[in-house]
Amino acid sequence: SDKQFDAIASLSALNYTYEQMSIYLEIDFDQFIKALNSKNSKVQHHITRGKLESKFLVNEKLLQNAKSGNITAAQELRKVIDANDVEEIKKKILYGE
């Protein structure tokens, strides 16, 4: 249900494991994994969405703090940007993306 998908997104944003998600949602773990691994999986989509939303909120706050002159926030934001750049380079080299 939509309520369960929203819960999955929220749980993944907080880095809960697949097993913990299935327990929280009161779904059989094997059934949860089967839904996760199915083609065009809505479960996988909402897990990814939850993680992205979480990263966005953290990075957005870092950006705000960096703009206001917080040196530590600026340094942390630079680390995030550099890490993303490295991941993009890896994808290009290793996977041709």
PDB file of N, CA and C in Angstrom:
ATOM      1  N   SER A   1       0.843  -1.189   0.000  1.00  0.00           N
ATOM      2  CA  SER A   1       0.000   0.000   0.000  1.00  0.00           C
ATOM      3  C   SER A   1       0.885   1.248   0.000  1.00  0.00           C
ATOM      4  N   ASP A   2       0.285   2.382  -0.314  1.00  0.00           N
ATOM      5  CA  ASP A   2       1.040   3.641  -0.334  1.00  0.00           C
ATOM      6  C   ASP A   2       1.620   3.954   1.045  1.00  0.00           C
ATOM      7  N   LYS A   3       0.878   3.619   2.081  1.00  0.00           N
ATOM      8  CA  LYS A   3       1.356   3.865   3.450  1.00  0.00           C
ATOM      9  C   LYS A   3       2.610   3.040   3.728  1.00  0.00           C
ATOM     10  N   GLN A   4       2.635   1.795   3.260  1.00  0.00           N
ATOM     11  CA  GLN A   4       3.808   0.941   3.446  1.00  0.00           C
ATOM     12  C   GLN A   4       4.998   1.452   2.639  1.00  0.00           C
ATOM     13  N   PHE A   5       4.751   1.918   1.410  1.00  0.00           N
ATOM     14  CA  PHE A   5       5.839   2.443   0.587  1.00  0.00           C
ATOM     15  C   PHE A   5       6.439   3.700   1.219  1.00  0.00           C
ATOM     16  N   ASP A   6       5.584   4.551   1.791  1.00  0.00           N
ATOM     17  CA  ASP A   6       6.091   5.732   2.486  1.00  0.00           C
ATOM     18  C   ASP A   6       6.922   5.335   3.704  1.00  0.00           C
ATOM     19  N   ALA A   7       6.479   4.298   4.407  1.00  0.00           N
ATOM     20  CA  ALA A   7       7.228   3.805   5.571  1.00  0.00           C
ATOM     21  C   ALA A   7       8.577   3.249   5.124  1.00  0.00           C
ATOM     22  N   ILE A   8       8.600   2.534   4.003  1.00  0.00           N
ATOM     23  CA  ILE A   8       9.859   1.991   3.474  1.00  0.00           C
ATOM     24  C   ILE A   8      10.825   3.130   3.161  1.00  0.00           C
ATOM     25  N   ALA A   9      10.331   4.181   2.529  1.00  0.00           N
ATOM     26  CA  ALA A   9      11.182   5.334   2.203  1.00  0.00           C
ATOM     27  C   ALA A   9      11.730   5.963   3.479  1.00  0.00           C
ATOM     28  N   SER A  10      10.888   6.125   4.481  1.00  0.00           N
ATOM     29  CA  SER A  10      11.327   6.728   5.744  1.00  0.00           C
ATOM     30  C   SER A  10      12.348   5.855   6.456  1.00  0.00           C
ATOM     31  N   LEU A  11      12.101   4.547   6.486  1.00  0.00           N
ATOM     32  CA  LEU A  11      13.029   3.622   7.154  1.00  0.00           C
ATOM     33  C   LEU A  11      14.375   3.583   6.441  1.00  0.00           C
ATOM     34  N   SER A  12      14.352   3.593   5.112  1.00  0.00           N
ATOM     35  CA  SER A  12      15.625   3.555   4.380  1.00  0.00           C
ATOM     36  C   SER A  12      16.393   4.857   4.567  1.00  0.00           C
ATOM     37  N   ALA A  13      15.678   5.972   4.702  1.00  0.00           N
ATOM     38  CA  ALA A  13      16.332   7.262   4.948  1.00  0.00           C
ATOM     39  C   ALA A  13      17.109   7.235   6.254  1.00  0.00           C
ATOM     40  N   LEU A  14      16.657   6.402   7.183  1.00  0.00           N
ATOM     41  CA  LEU A  14      17.313   6.273   8.484  1.00  0.00           C
ATOM     42  C   LEU A  14      18.241   5.065   8.545  1.00  0.00           C
ATOM     43  N   ASN A  15      18.524   4.473   7.387  1.00  0.00           N
ATOM     44  CA  ASN A  15      19.465   3.357   7.233  1.00  0.00           C
ATOM     45  C   ASN A  15      19.059   2.078   7.970  1.00  0.00           C
ATOM     46  N   TYR A  16      17.776   1.804   8.042  1.00  0.00           N
ATOM     47  CA  TYR A  16      17.340   0.524   8.586  1.00  0.00           C
ATOM     48  C   TYR A  16      17.665  -0.577   7.587  1.00  0.00           C
ATOM     49  N   THR A  17      17.916  -1.768   8.074  1.00  0.00           N
ATOM     50  CA  THR A  17      18.225  -2.900   7.200  1.00  0.00           C
ATOM     51  C   THR A  17      16.937  -3.430   6.580  1.00  0.00           C
ATOM     52  N   TYR A  18      17.084  -4.248   5.558  1.00  0.00           N
ATOM     53  CA  TYR A  18      15.915  -4.868   4.925  1.00  0.00           C
ATOM     54  C   TYR A  18      15.153  -5.721   5.936  1.00  0.00           C
ATOM     55  N   GLU A  19      15.887  -6.434   6.768  1.00  0.00           N
ATOM     56  CA  GLU A  19      15.241  -7.271   7.785  1.00  0.00           C
ATOM     57  C   GLU A  19      14.444  -6.414   8.768  1.00  0.00           C
ATOM     58  N   GLN A  20      15.037  -5.313   9.206  1.00  0.00           N
ATOM     59  CA  GLN A  20      14.337  -4.421  10.133  1.00  0.00           C
ATOM     60  C   GLN A  20      13.089  -3.819   9.486  1.00  0.00           C
ATOM     61  N   MET A  21      13.190  -3.477   8.197  1.00  0.00           N
ATOM     62  CA  MET A  21      12.028  -2.939   7.485  1.00  0.00           C
ATOM     63  C   MET A  21      10.903  -3.960   7.438  1.00  0.00           C
ATOM     64  N   SER A  22      11.243  -5.193   7.119  1.00  0.00           N
ATOM     65  CA  SER A  22      10.209  -6.226   7.021  1.00  0.00           C
ATOM     66  C   SER A  22       9.560  -6.479   8.379  1.00  0.00           C
ATOM     67  N   ILE A  23      10.351  -6.439   9.440  1.00  0.00           N
ATOM     68  CA  ILE A  23       9.798  -6.621  10.788  1.00  0.00           C
ATOM     69  C   ILE A  23       8.874  -5.456  11.127  1.00  0.00           C
ATOM     70  N   TYR A  24       9.312  -4.247  10.873  1.00  0.00           N
ATOM     71  CA  TYR A  24       8.516  -3.062  11.164  1.00  0.00           C
ATOM     72  C   TYR A  24       7.183  -3.097  10.418  1.00  0.00           C
ATOM     73  N   LEU A  25       7.241  -3.507   9.158  1.00  0.00           N
ATOM     74  CA  LEU A  25       6.049  -3.547   8.318  1.00  0.00           C
ATOM     75  C   LEU A  25       5.218  -4.811   8.517  1.00  0.00           C
ATOM     76  N   GLU A  26       5.737  -5.717   9.347  1.00  0.00           N
ATOM     77  CA  GLU A  26       5.092  -7.009   9.616  1.00  0.00           C
ATOM     78  C   GLU A  26       4.860  -7.792   8.319  1.00  0.00           C
ATOM     79  N   ILE A  27       5.928  -7.842   7.519  1.00  0.00           N
ATOM     80  CA  ILE A  27       5.921  -8.590   6.264  1.00  0.00           C
ATOM     81  C   ILE A  27       6.980  -9.673   6.368  1.00  0.00           C
ATOM     82  N   ASP A  28       6.680 -10.854   5.848  1.00  0.00           N
ATOM     83  CA  ASP A  28       7.657 -11.939   5.829  1.00  0.00           C
ATOM     84  C   ASP A  28       8.911 -11.468   5.105  1.00  0.00           C
ATOM     85  N   PHE A  29      10.076 -11.723   5.693  1.00  0.00           N
ATOM     86  CA  PHE A  29      11.339 -11.247   5.140  1.00  0.00           C
ATOM     87  C   PHE A  29      11.564 -11.762   3.723  1.00  0.00           C
ATOM     88  N   ASP A  30      11.326 -13.047   3.486  1.00  0.00           N
ATOM     89  CA  ASP A  30      11.524 -13.607   2.144  1.00  0.00           C
ATOM     90  C   ASP A  30      10.608 -12.941   1.121  1.00  0.00           C
ATOM     91  N   GLN A  31       9.398 -12.644   1.540  1.00  0.00           N
ATOM     92  CA  GLN A  31       8.449 -11.966   0.659  1.00  0.00           C
ATOM     93  C   GLN A  31       8.927 -10.535   0.368  1.00  0.00           C
ATOM     94  N   PHE A  32       9.472  -9.875   1.381  1.00  0.00           N
ATOM     95  CA  PHE A  32      10.002  -8.520   1.219  1.00  0.00           C
ATOM     96  C   PHE A  32      11.158  -8.521   0.226  1.00  0.00           C
ATOM     97  N   ILE A  33      12.074  -9.465   0.367  1.00  0.00           N
ATOM     98  CA  ILE A  33      13.234  -9.566  -0.537  1.00  0.00           C
ATOM     99  C   ILE A  33      12.781  -9.895  -1.952  1.00  0.00           C
ATOM    100  N   LYS A  34      11.780 -10.753  -2.070  1.00  0.00           N
ATOM    101  CA  LYS A  34      11.262 -11.093  -3.391  1.00  0.00           C
ATOM    102  C   LYS A  34      10.687  -9.849  -4.073  1.00  0.00           C
ATOM    103  N   ALA A  35       9.943  -9.045  -3.331  1.00  0.00           N
ATOM    104  CA  ALA A  35       9.383  -7.802  -3.879  1.00  0.00           C
ATOM    105  C   ALA A  35      10.496  -6.810  -4.203  1.00  0.00           C
ATOM    106  N   LEU A  36      11.520  -6.787  -3.368  1.00  0.00           N
ATOM    107  CA  LEU A  36      12.661  -5.897  -3.575  1.00  0.00           C
ATOM    108  C   LEU A  36      13.403  -6.229  -4.864  1.00  0.00           C
ATOM    109  N   ASN A  37      13.561  -7.510  -5.148  1.00  0.00           N
ATOM    110  CA  ASN A  37      14.351  -7.963  -6.293  1.00  0.00           C
ATOM    111  C   ASN A  37      13.545  -8.132  -7.576  1.00  0.00           C
ATOM    112  N   SER A  38      12.237  -7.901  -7.524  1.00  0.00           N
ATOM    113  CA  SER A  38      11.422  -8.069  -8.722  1.00  0.00           C
ATOM    114  C   SER A  38      11.711  -6.952  -9.725  1.00  0.00           C
ATOM    115  N   LYS A  39      11.420  -7.223 -10.981  1.00  0.00           N
ATOM    116  CA  LYS A  39      11.662  -6.249 -12.042  1.00  0.00           C
ATOM    117  C   LYS A  39      10.794  -5.011 -11.801  1.00  0.00           C
ATOM    118  N   ASN A  40      11.382  -3.823 -11.997  1.00  0.00           N
ATOM    119  CA  ASN A  40      10.688  -2.552 -11.762  1.00  0.00           C
ATOM    120  C   ASN A  40      10.088  -2.482 -10.352  1.00  0.00           C
ATOM    121  N   SER A  41      10.882  -2.877  -9.377  1.00  0.00           N
ATOM    122  CA  SER A  41      10.434  -2.991  -7.996  1.00  0.00           C
ATOM    123  C   SER A  41      10.064  -1.641  -7.381  1.00  0.00           C
ATOM    124  N   LYS A  42       8.821  -1.550  -6.904  1.00  0.00           N
ATOM    125  CA  LYS A  42       8.393  -0.356  -6.192  1.00  0.00           C
ATOM    126  C   LYS A  42       9.102  -0.261  -4.850  1.00  0.00           C
ATOM    127  N   VAL A  43       9.394  -1.410  -4.263  1.00  0.00           N
ATOM    128  CA  VAL A  43      10.106  -1.434  -2.983  1.00  0.00           C
ATOM    129  C   VAL A  43      11.485  -0.815  -3.162  1.00  0.00           C
ATOM    130  N   GLN A  44      12.221  -1.260  -4.183  1.00  0.00           N
ATOM    131  CA  GLN A  44      13.551  -0.715  -4.446  1.00  0.00           C
ATOM    132  C   GLN A  44      13.476   0.777  -4.758  1.00  0.00           C
ATOM    133  N   HIS A  45      12.472   1.176  -5.506  1.00  0.00           N
ATOM    134  CA  HIS A  45      12.287   2.586  -5.845  1.00  0.00           C
ATOM    135  C   HIS A  45      12.131   3.430  -4.575  1.00  0.00           C
ATOM    136  N   HIS A  46      11.303   2.973  -3.651  1.00  0.00           N
ATOM    137  CA  HIS A  46      11.059   3.745  -2.430  1.00  0.00           C
ATOM    138  C   HIS A  46      12.254   3.710  -1.475  1.00  0.00           C
ATOM    139  N   ILE A  47      13.016   2.630  -1.479  1.00  0.00           N
ATOM    140  CA  ILE A  47      14.247   2.584  -0.686  1.00  0.00           C
ATOM    141  C   ILE A  47      15.235   3.615  -1.219  1.00  0.00           C
ATOM    142  N   THR A  48      15.409   3.646  -2.526  1.00  0.00           N
ATOM    143  CA  THR A  48      16.311   4.614  -3.148  1.00  0.00           C
ATOM    144  C   THR A  48      15.824   6.033  -2.914  1.00  0.00           C
ATOM    145  N   ARG A  49      14.529   6.245  -3.066  1.00  0.00           N
ATOM    146  CA  ARG A  49      13.956   7.573  -2.846  1.00  0.00           C
ATOM    147  C   ARG A  49      14.194   8.055  -1.413  1.00  0.00           C
ATOM    148  N   GLY A  50      14.002   7.169  -0.447  1.00  0.00           N
ATOM    149  CA  GLY A  50      14.207   7.534   0.949  1.00  0.00           C
ATOM    150  C   GLY A  50      15.643   7.938   1.233  1.00  0.00           C
ATOM    151  N   LYS A  51      16.580   7.177   0.687  1.00  0.00           N
ATOM    152  CA  LYS A  51      17.998   7.506   0.877  1.00  0.00           C
ATOM    153  C   LYS A  51      18.349   8.837   0.218  1.00  0.00           C
ATOM    154  N   LEU A  52      17.824   9.067  -0.980  1.00  0.00           N
ATOM    155  CA  LEU A  52      18.092  10.319  -1.680  1.00  0.00           C
ATOM    156  C   LEU A  52      17.507  11.516  -0.938  1.00  0.00           C
ATOM    157  N   GLU A  53      16.287  11.367  -0.428  1.00  0.00           N
ATOM    158  CA  GLU A  53      15.666  12.460   0.320  1.00  0.00           C
ATOM    159  C   GLU A  53      16.481  12.795   1.561  1.00  0.00           C
ATOM    160  N   SER A  54      16.963  11.764   2.248  1.00  0.00           N
ATOM    161  CA  SER A  54      17.764  11.967   3.445  1.00  0.00           C
ATOM    162  C   SER A  54      19.056  12.708   3.110  1.00  0.00           C
ATOM    163  N   LYS A  55      19.743  12.245   2.067  1.00  0.00           N
ATOM    164  CA  LYS A  55      20.984  12.909   1.651  1.00  0.00           C
ATOM    165  C   LYS A  55      20.717  14.348   1.238  1.00  0.00           C
ATOM    166  N   PHE A  56      19.613  14.562   0.535  1.00  0.00           N
ATOM    167  CA  PHE A  56      19.276  15.910   0.092  1.00  0.00           C
ATOM    168  C   PHE A  56      19.095  16.846   1.279  1.00  0.00           C
ATOM    169  N   LEU A  57      18.344  16.411   2.283  1.00  0.00           N
ATOM    170  CA  LEU A  57      18.087  17.271   3.440  1.00  0.00           C
ATOM    171  C   LEU A  57      19.377  17.618   4.181  1.00  0.00           C
ATOM    172  N   VAL A  58      20.244  16.636   4.335  1.00  0.00           N
ATOM    173  CA  VAL A  58      21.523  16.877   5.010  1.00  0.00           C
ATOM    174  C   VAL A  58      22.383  17.829   4.188  1.00  0.00           C
ATOM    175  N   ASN A  59      22.490  17.559   2.897  1.00  0.00           N
ATOM    176  CA  ASN A  59      23.317  18.405   2.028  1.00  0.00           C
ATOM    177  C   ASN A  59      22.757  19.816   1.892  1.00  0.00           C
ATOM    178  N   GLU A  60      21.440  19.922   1.874  1.00  0.00           N
ATOM    179  CA  GLU A  60      20.817  21.237   1.806  1.00  0.00           C
ATOM    180  C   GLU A  60      21.164  22.064   3.048  1.00  0.00           C
ATOM    181  N   LYS A  61      21.124  21.422   4.211  1.00  0.00           N
ATOM    182  CA  LYS A  61      21.473  22.114   5.455  1.00  0.00           C
ATOM    183  C   LYS A  61      22.956  22.488   5.468  1.00  0.00           C
ATOM    184  N   LEU A  62      23.811  21.582   4.985  1.00  0.00           N
ATOM    185  CA  LEU A  62      25.234  21.914   4.880  1.00  0.00           C
ATOM    186  C   LEU A  62      25.453  23.131   3.997  1.00  0.00           C
ATOM    187  N   LEU A  63      24.753  23.177   2.878  1.00  0.00           N
ATOM    188  CA  LEU A  63      24.881  24.303   1.959  1.00  0.00           C
ATOM    189  C   LEU A  63      24.448  25.605   2.621  1.00  0.00           C
ATOM    190  N   GLN A  64      23.321  25.572   3.318  1.00  0.00           N
ATOM    191  CA  GLN A  64      22.845  26.769   4.021  1.00  0.00           C
ATOM    192  C   GLN A  64      23.875  27.244   5.043  1.00  0.00           C
ATOM    193  N   ASN A  65      24.397  26.297   5.814  1.00  0.00           N
ATOM    194  CA  ASN A  65      25.387  26.648   6.835  1.00  0.00           C
ATOM    195  C   ASN A  65      26.683  27.162   6.204  1.00  0.00           C
ATOM    196  N   ALA A  66      27.089  26.543   5.103  1.00  0.00           N
ATOM    197  CA  ALA A  66      28.304  26.993   4.412  1.00  0.00           C
ATOM    198  C   ALA A  66      28.124  28.412   3.877  1.00  0.00           C
ATOM    199  N   LYS A  67      26.957  28.688   3.317  1.00  0.00           N
ATOM    200  CA  LYS A  67      26.689  30.031   2.788  1.00  0.00           C
ATOM    201  C   LYS A  67      26.688  31.092   3.888  1.00  0.00           C
ATOM    202  N   SER A  68      26.319  30.655   5.097  1.00  0.00           N
ATOM    203  CA  SER A  68      26.277  31.622   6.202  1.00  0.00           C
ATOM    204  C   SER A  68      27.647  31.807   6.848  1.00  0.00           C
ATOM    205  N   GLY A  69      28.664  31.118   6.317  1.00  0.00           N
ATOM    206  CA  GLY A  69      30.023  31.322   6.801  1.00  0.00           C
ATOM    207  C   GLY A  69      30.563  30.238   7.706  1.00  0.00           C
ATOM    208  N   ASN A  70      29.838  29.165   7.883  1.00  0.00           N
ATOM    209  CA  ASN A  70      30.303  28.068   8.726  1.00  0.00           C
ATOM    210  C   ASN A  70      31.387  27.292   7.973  1.00  0.00           C
ATOM    211  N   ILE A  71      32.610  27.421   8.423  1.00  0.00           N
ATOM    212  CA  ILE A  71      33.759  26.812   7.740  1.00  0.00           C
ATOM    213  C   ILE A  71      33.672  25.286   7.758  1.00  0.00           C
ATOM    214  N   THR A  72      33.277  24.720   8.894  1.00  0.00           N
ATOM    215  CA  THR A  72      33.163  23.259   8.995  1.00  0.00           C
ATOM    216  C   THR A  72      32.138  22.734   8.000  1.00  0.00           C
ATOM    217  N   ALA A  73      30.997  23.419   7.892  1.00  0.00           N
ATOM    218  CA  ALA A  73      29.965  23.011   6.936  1.00  0.00           C
ATOM    219  C   ALA A  73      30.491  23.099   5.510  1.00  0.00           C
ATOM    220  N   ALA A  74      31.255  24.140   5.225  1.00  0.00           N
ATOM    221  CA  ALA A  74      31.833  24.292   3.881  1.00  0.00           C
ATOM    222  C   ALA A  74      32.785  23.139   3.577  1.00  0.00           C
ATOM    223  N   GLN A  75      33.580  22.750   4.558  1.00  0.00           N
ATOM    224  CA  GLN A  75      34.522  21.641   4.369  1.00  0.00           C
ATOM    225  C   GLN A  75      33.769  20.323   4.161  1.00  0.00           C
ATOM    226  N   GLU A  76      32.734  20.102   4.962  1.00  0.00           N
ATOM    227  CA  GLU A  76      31.951  18.868   4.832  1.00  0.00           C
ATOM    228  C   GLU A  76      31.223  18.819   3.494  1.00  0.00           C
ATOM    229  N   LEU A  77      30.695  19.946   3.065  1.00  0.00           N
ATOM    230  CA  LEU A  77      30.026  20.009   1.772  1.00  0.00           C
ATOM    231  C   LEU A  77      31.007  19.713   0.648  1.00  0.00           C
ATOM    232  N   ARG A  78      32.220  20.233   0.735  1.00  0.00           N
ATOM    233  CA  ARG A  78      33.255  19.957  -0.262  1.00  0.00           C
ATOM    234  C   ARG A  78      33.552  18.464  -0.321  1.00  0.00           C
ATOM    235  N   LYS A  79      33.601  17.796   0.841  1.00  0.00           N
ATOM    236  CA  LYS A  79      33.833  16.342   0.878  1.00  0.00           C
ATOM    237  C   LYS A  79      32.708  15.596   0.164  1.00  0.00           C
ATOM    238  N   VAL A  80      31.477  16.019   0.381  1.00  0.00           N
ATOM    239  CA  VAL A  80      30.323  15.383  -0.262  1.00  0.00           C
ATOM    240  C   VAL A  80      30.403  15.561  -1.771  1.00  0.00           C
ATOM    241  N   ILE A  81      30.708  16.767  -2.194  1.00  0.00           N
ATOM    242  CA  ILE A  81      30.819  17.057  -3.633  1.00  0.00           C
ATOM    243  C   ILE A  81      31.936  16.239  -4.264  1.00  0.00           C
ATOM    244  N   ASP A  82      33.088  16.194  -3.602  1.00  0.00           N
ATOM    245  CA  ASP A  82      34.211  15.405  -4.118  1.00  0.00           C
ATOM    246  C   ASP A  82      33.871  13.916  -4.191  1.00  0.00           C
ATOM    247  N   ALA A  83      33.198  13.403  -3.169  1.00  0.00           N
ATOM    248  CA  ALA A  83      32.817  11.981  -3.158  1.00  0.00           C
ATOM    249  C   ALA A  83      31.864  11.670  -4.313  1.00  0.00           C
ATOM    250  N   ASN A  84      30.921  12.574  -4.579  1.00  0.00           N
ATOM    251  CA  ASN A  84      29.999  12.378  -5.702  1.00  0.00           C
ATOM    252  C   ASN A  84      30.745  12.401  -7.030  1.00  0.00           C
ATOM    253  N   ASP A  85      31.699  13.313  -7.155  1.00  0.00           N
ATOM    254  CA  ASP A  85      32.503  13.384  -8.382  1.00  0.00           C
ATOM    255  C   ASP A  85      33.290  12.091  -8.599  1.00  0.00           C
ATOM    256  N   VAL A  86      33.877  11.557  -7.546  1.00  0.00           N
ATOM    257  CA  VAL A  86      34.635  10.302  -7.635  1.00  0.00           C
ATOM    258  C   VAL A  86      33.717   9.158  -8.072  1.00  0.00           C
ATOM    259  N   GLU A  87      32.517   9.097  -7.510  1.00  0.00           N
ATOM    260  CA  GLU A  87      31.567   8.040  -7.886  1.00  0.00           C
ATOM    261  C   GLU A  87      31.196   8.137  -9.361  1.00  0.00           C
ATOM    262  N   GLU A  88      30.997   9.335  -9.855  1.00  0.00           N
ATOM    263  CA  GLU A  88      30.668   9.528 -11.268  1.00  0.00           C
ATOM    264  C   GLU A  88      31.819   9.083 -12.164  1.00  0.00           C
ATOM    265  N   ILE A  89      33.035   9.395 -11.772  1.00  0.00           N
ATOM    266  CA  ILE A  89      34.208   8.976 -12.537  1.00  0.00           C
ATOM    267  C   ILE A  89      34.330   7.448 -12.547  1.00  0.00           C
ATOM    268  N   LYS A  90      34.091   6.821 -11.397  1.00  0.00           N
ATOM    269  CA  LYS A  90      34.135   5.356 -11.305  1.00  0.00           C
ATOM    270  C   LYS A  90      33.123   4.728 -12.247  1.00  0.00           C
ATOM    271  N   LYS A  91      31.900   5.285 -12.266  1.00  0.00           N
ATOM    272  CA  LYS A  91      30.866   4.743 -13.128  1.00  0.00           C
ATOM    273  C   LYS A  91      31.268   4.840 -14.598  1.00  0.00           C
ATOM    274  N   LYS A  92      31.869   5.958 -14.969  1.00  0.00           N
ATOM    275  CA  LYS A  92      32.303   6.130 -16.353  1.00  0.00           C
ATOM    276  C   LYS A  92      33.392   5.145 -16.723  1.00  0.00           C
ATOM    277  N   ILE A  93      34.357   4.980 -15.835  1.00  0.00           N
ATOM    278  CA  ILE A  93      35.489   4.091 -16.126  1.00  0.00           C
ATOM    279  C   ILE A  93      35.090   2.632 -16.056  1.00  0.00           C
ATOM    280  N   LEU A  94      34.392   2.245 -14.987  1.00  0.00           N
ATOM    281  CA  LEU A  94      34.094   0.826 -14.773  1.00  0.00           C
ATOM    282  C   LEU A  94      32.903   0.317 -15.565  1.00  0.00           C
ATOM    283  N   TYR A  95      31.895   1.175 -15.728  1.00  0.00           N
ATOM    284  CA  TYR A  95      30.643   0.702 -16.331  1.00  0.00           C
ATOM    285  C   TYR A  95      30.291   1.404 -17.632  1.00  0.00           C
ATOM    286  N   GLY A  96      31.095   2.381 -18.035  1.00  0.00           N
ATOM    287  CA  GLY A  96      30.820   3.086 -19.284  1.00  0.00           C
ATOM    288  C   GLY A  96      29.566   3.908 -19.269  1.00  0.00           C
ATOM    289  N   GLU A  97      29.123   4.296 -18.081  1.00  0.00           N
ATOM    290  CA  GLU A  97      27.873   5.082 -17.974  1.00  0.00           C
ATOM    291  C   GLU A  97      28.121   6.532 -18.328  1.00  0.00           C
TER     292      GLU A  97
END
